[in-house]
Protein backbone atom coordinates (compact mmCIF):
# COMPACT_ATOMS: atom_id res chain seq x y z
CA UNK A 1 -6.54 112.11 96.23
CA UNK A 2 -3.43 112.24 94.07
CA UNK A 3 -1.44 113.83 96.78
CA UNK A 4 -1.92 110.88 99.19
CA UNK A 5 -1.02 108.27 96.64
CA UNK A 6 2.19 110.04 95.78
CA UNK A 7 3.01 110.36 99.28
CA UNK A 8 2.35 106.80 99.95
CA UNK A 9 4.31 105.61 96.79
CA UNK A 10 7.49 107.94 98.00
CA UNK A 11 7.10 106.39 101.87
CA UNK A 12 7.20 102.76 100.49
CA UNK A 13 9.97 103.39 97.97
CA UNK A 14 12.23 104.82 101.10
CA UNK A 15 11.36 101.93 103.12
CA UNK A 16 12.10 99.21 100.35
CA UNK A 17 15.73 101.09 99.87
CA UNK A 18 16.73 102.33 103.19
CA UNK A 19 16.88 105.88 102.38
CA UNK A 20 19.38 105.41 99.64
CA UNK A 21 17.55 106.49 96.83
CA UNK A 22 14.58 105.30 94.67
CA UNK A 23 14.74 103.39 91.55
CA UNK A 24 17.87 101.79 90.33
CA UNK A 25 20.41 100.61 92.90
CA UNK A 26 23.83 101.80 93.06
CA UNK A 27 26.55 99.54 91.82
CA UNK A 28 28.84 98.49 94.94
CA UNK A 29 32.20 100.15 94.92
CA UNK A 30 34.88 97.83 93.55
CA UNK A 31 38.14 98.38 95.33
CA UNK A 32 41.39 96.76 95.14
CA UNK A 33 43.28 94.59 97.77
CA UNK A 34 44.25 96.02 100.83
CA UNK A 35 47.86 96.64 101.59
CA UNK A 36 47.20 93.62 104.10
CA UNK A 37 45.66 91.52 101.60
CA UNK A 38 48.81 91.86 99.01
CA UNK A 39 51.30 88.99 99.06
CA UNK A 40 54.67 90.02 100.41
CA UNK A 41 57.62 89.74 98.32
CA UNK A 42 60.12 87.41 99.60
CA UNK A 43 63.57 89.24 99.75
CA UNK A 44 66.52 86.85 99.69
CA UNK A 45 69.56 88.40 100.68
CA UNK A 46 72.91 87.63 98.93
CA UNK A 47 74.93 85.33 100.64
CA UNK A 48 77.80 87.13 101.71
CA UNK A 49 81.27 85.75 100.87
CA UNK A 50 84.23 85.32 103.19
CA UNK A 51 86.89 87.72 102.32
CA UNK A 52 90.22 87.55 103.36
CA UNK A 53 91.40 90.60 104.91
CA UNK A 54 94.60 91.14 103.14
CA UNK A 55 95.74 92.79 99.75
CA UNK A 56 97.88 91.79 97.00
CA UNK A 57 101.50 93.16 97.62
CA UNK A 58 104.01 93.33 94.75
CA UNK A 59 107.72 94.08 95.42
CA UNK A 60 109.72 95.41 92.43
CA UNK A 61 113.39 96.89 92.43
CA UNK A 62 114.42 99.85 90.80
CA UNK A 63 118.04 100.70 91.06
CA UNK A 64 119.20 100.26 94.69
CA UNK A 65 115.62 100.68 95.78
CA UNK A 66 112.54 98.13 96.39
CA UNK A 67 109.00 99.54 96.15
CA UNK A 68 106.11 97.72 97.84
CA UNK A 69 102.53 98.51 96.71
CA UNK A 70 99.10 97.13 95.73
CA UNK A 71 100.08 97.09 92.18
CA UNK A 72 103.58 96.97 90.30
CA UNK A 73 105.12 100.33 90.50
CA UNK A 74 106.03 101.70 87.03
CA UNK A 75 109.58 102.28 86.16
CA UNK A 76 110.83 105.85 86.89
CA UNK A 77 112.04 107.46 83.81
CA UNK A 78 115.31 105.72 82.58
CA UNK A 79 114.95 103.04 85.00
CA UNK A 80 114.52 99.38 84.20
CA UNK A 81 113.48 96.64 86.65
CA UNK A 82 116.18 95.18 88.68
CA UNK A 83 114.62 91.98 89.03
CA UNK A 84 111.15 90.35 88.25
CA UNK A 85 108.26 91.74 90.11
CA UNK A 86 107.07 89.42 92.90
CA UNK A 87 103.76 89.29 94.79
CA UNK A 88 104.59 88.80 98.44
CA UNK A 89 101.18 89.16 100.38
CA UNK A 90 101.64 85.67 101.88
CA UNK A 91 105.45 85.85 102.81
CA UNK A 92 108.80 85.39 100.81
CA UNK A 93 111.91 87.46 100.34
CA UNK A 94 110.98 90.54 98.45
CA UNK A 95 114.43 90.96 96.49
CA UNK A 96 116.17 88.90 94.12
CA UNK A 97 119.63 88.76 95.34
CA UNK A 98 121.90 86.71 93.13
CA UNK A 99 118.92 85.03 91.25
CA UNK A 100 118.72 87.67 88.65
CA UNK A 101 121.19 86.66 85.84
CA UNK A 102 123.64 85.67 88.14
CA UNK A 103 124.73 88.83 89.62
CA UNK A 104 123.74 90.45 93.13
CA UNK A 105 121.81 93.56 93.24
CA UNK A 106 122.68 95.74 96.04
CA UNK A 107 119.57 97.07 97.67
CA UNK A 108 119.97 99.88 100.24
CA UNK A 109 116.36 101.20 100.44
CA UNK A 110 112.99 100.13 100.67
CA UNK A 111 109.78 102.31 100.05
CA UNK A 112 106.42 101.33 100.80
CA UNK A 113 104.02 103.73 98.53
CA UNK A 114 100.43 103.03 99.88
CA UNK A 115 98.91 101.08 102.60
CA UNK A 116 99.23 97.39 102.21
CA UNK A 117 97.63 94.68 104.09
CA UNK A 118 99.44 91.56 103.73
CA UNK A 119 98.83 88.12 105.51
CA UNK A 120 102.15 87.40 106.21
CA UNK A 121 105.71 89.03 106.22
CA UNK A 122 107.83 86.08 106.97
CA UNK A 123 111.09 86.66 105.32
CA UNK A 124 110.31 89.94 103.60
CA UNK A 125 113.68 91.46 104.40
CA UNK A 126 115.81 88.56 105.11
CA UNK A 127 119.38 88.79 104.36
CA UNK A 128 119.30 92.18 102.87
CA UNK A 129 122.70 93.12 104.15
CA UNK A 130 122.95 96.33 102.50
CA UNK A 131 119.53 97.55 103.55
CA UNK A 132 119.85 100.92 105.34
CA UNK A 133 116.31 102.33 105.45
CA UNK A 134 112.62 101.31 104.98
CA UNK A 135 110.14 104.51 104.47
CA UNK A 136 106.37 104.47 104.86
CA UNK A 137 106.43 101.76 107.64
CA UNK A 138 103.40 103.56 108.99
CA UNK A 139 101.29 102.38 105.63
CA UNK A 140 101.95 98.68 106.84
CA UNK A 141 99.14 97.24 108.35
CA UNK A 142 99.83 94.28 110.34
CA UNK A 143 96.45 93.52 112.22
CA UNK A 144 96.23 90.92 109.74
CA UNK A 145 99.23 89.39 109.96
CA UNK A 146 99.80 85.85 111.37
CA UNK A 147 103.80 85.28 110.38
CA UNK A 148 106.57 87.45 110.99
CA UNK A 149 109.42 84.82 111.18
CA UNK A 150 112.85 85.77 109.97
CA UNK A 151 111.09 89.26 108.73
CA UNK A 152 114.37 91.55 109.26
CA UNK A 153 116.85 88.60 109.79
CA UNK A 154 120.42 89.36 108.64
CA UNK A 155 119.41 93.03 108.04
CA UNK A 156 123.03 93.89 109.71
CA UNK A 157 123.08 97.63 108.48
CA UNK A 158 119.62 98.57 109.64
CA UNK A 159 119.54 100.95 112.59
CA UNK A 160 116.35 102.25 113.04
CA UNK A 161 112.75 100.62 112.52
CA UNK A 162 109.92 102.87 113.47
CA UNK A 163 107.39 100.38 113.99
CA UNK A 164 106.18 100.69 117.60
CA UNK A 165 102.29 101.46 116.45
CA UNK A 166 102.09 98.03 114.56
CA UNK A 167 99.18 95.77 115.81
CA UNK A 168 100.75 92.41 116.05
CA UNK A 169 97.69 90.83 118.21
CA UNK A 170 96.99 87.84 115.45
CA UNK A 171 100.75 87.20 115.09
CA UNK A 172 101.67 83.58 115.70
CA UNK A 173 105.08 83.31 114.83
CA UNK A 174 108.22 85.76 115.21
CA UNK A 175 110.97 83.18 115.14
CA UNK A 176 113.89 84.74 114.24
CA UNK A 177 112.71 88.29 113.54
CA UNK A 178 115.63 90.29 114.39
CA UNK A 179 118.40 87.64 114.30
CA UNK A 180 121.80 89.52 113.15
CA UNK A 181 120.18 92.97 113.45
CA UNK A 182 123.10 94.28 115.65
CA UNK A 183 122.85 97.76 114.44
CA UNK A 184 119.51 98.43 115.50
CA UNK A 185 119.64 101.01 118.10
CA UNK A 186 116.25 99.87 119.74
CA UNK A 187 113.54 97.37 118.99
CA UNK A 188 109.82 98.20 119.03
CA UNK A 189 108.15 98.12 122.03
CA UNK A 190 105.93 94.89 121.18
CA UNK A 191 109.22 92.96 120.85
CA UNK A 192 110.48 90.99 124.02
CA UNK A 193 113.76 89.52 123.25
CA UNK A 194 114.74 85.93 124.64
CA UNK A 195 116.71 85.88 127.82
CA UNK A 196 120.69 85.83 127.83
CA UNK A 197 123.02 87.62 126.02
CA UNK A 198 123.73 88.81 122.41
CA UNK A 199 124.64 85.05 121.27
CA UNK A 200 121.84 83.62 123.04
CA UNK A 201 119.54 86.18 121.34
CA UNK A 202 121.01 85.00 117.68
CA UNK A 203 120.53 81.46 118.38
CA UNK A 204 117.24 81.09 120.58
CA UNK A 205 113.59 81.40 119.14
CA UNK A 206 112.71 85.00 119.21
CA UNK A 207 109.43 86.01 121.53
CA UNK A 208 106.88 88.52 122.11
CA UNK A 209 104.31 89.92 124.32
CA UNK A 210 101.48 90.22 121.76
CA UNK A 211 98.40 92.70 122.08
CA UNK A 212 97.49 95.32 119.83
CA UNK A 213 99.50 98.73 120.37
CA UNK A 214 97.26 101.85 120.81
């Protein structure tokens, strides 16, 4: 009799709790929010600033040489600057001529010491009548330059210019770039001289065919 009562109680318990145990019910499992329920962090990308594609270019003269670099070059031992340091990334003459203490400084050489990316090279070597060589022209990046007017004008003693590899595709003005450069054996491949004779070339506006050189 006792066995029958016990069996009945067990069956009743099982039916009541659905086979999950008798007596005190288990507390429901507490879990955190799923990945889908978590609020997404809103990431704001920083506003990109428009950066001009050119670098500062400083010119300073020591002795008979002008050095071009992103930062002013230190004086060689025993040398003093022949004239004030100039920032010429936007064009302008790189030498001081007679502006330094009233006396002319003879510059025969220009050295580009590292890769530089000016915005304009207008007038850079203009009227440097004693200039005979420019070293490091392959370090002068021209792909961002828009103005090359009168860049070599008046360089009567310059005989060689290794600039065939320059990318002049963005240049808009080459007026007078080689005026008076009678000593140059050849002009760069990207340059197209005006029609006519030598006198016409010195008087007329220079033109160019543009386009990147590869």
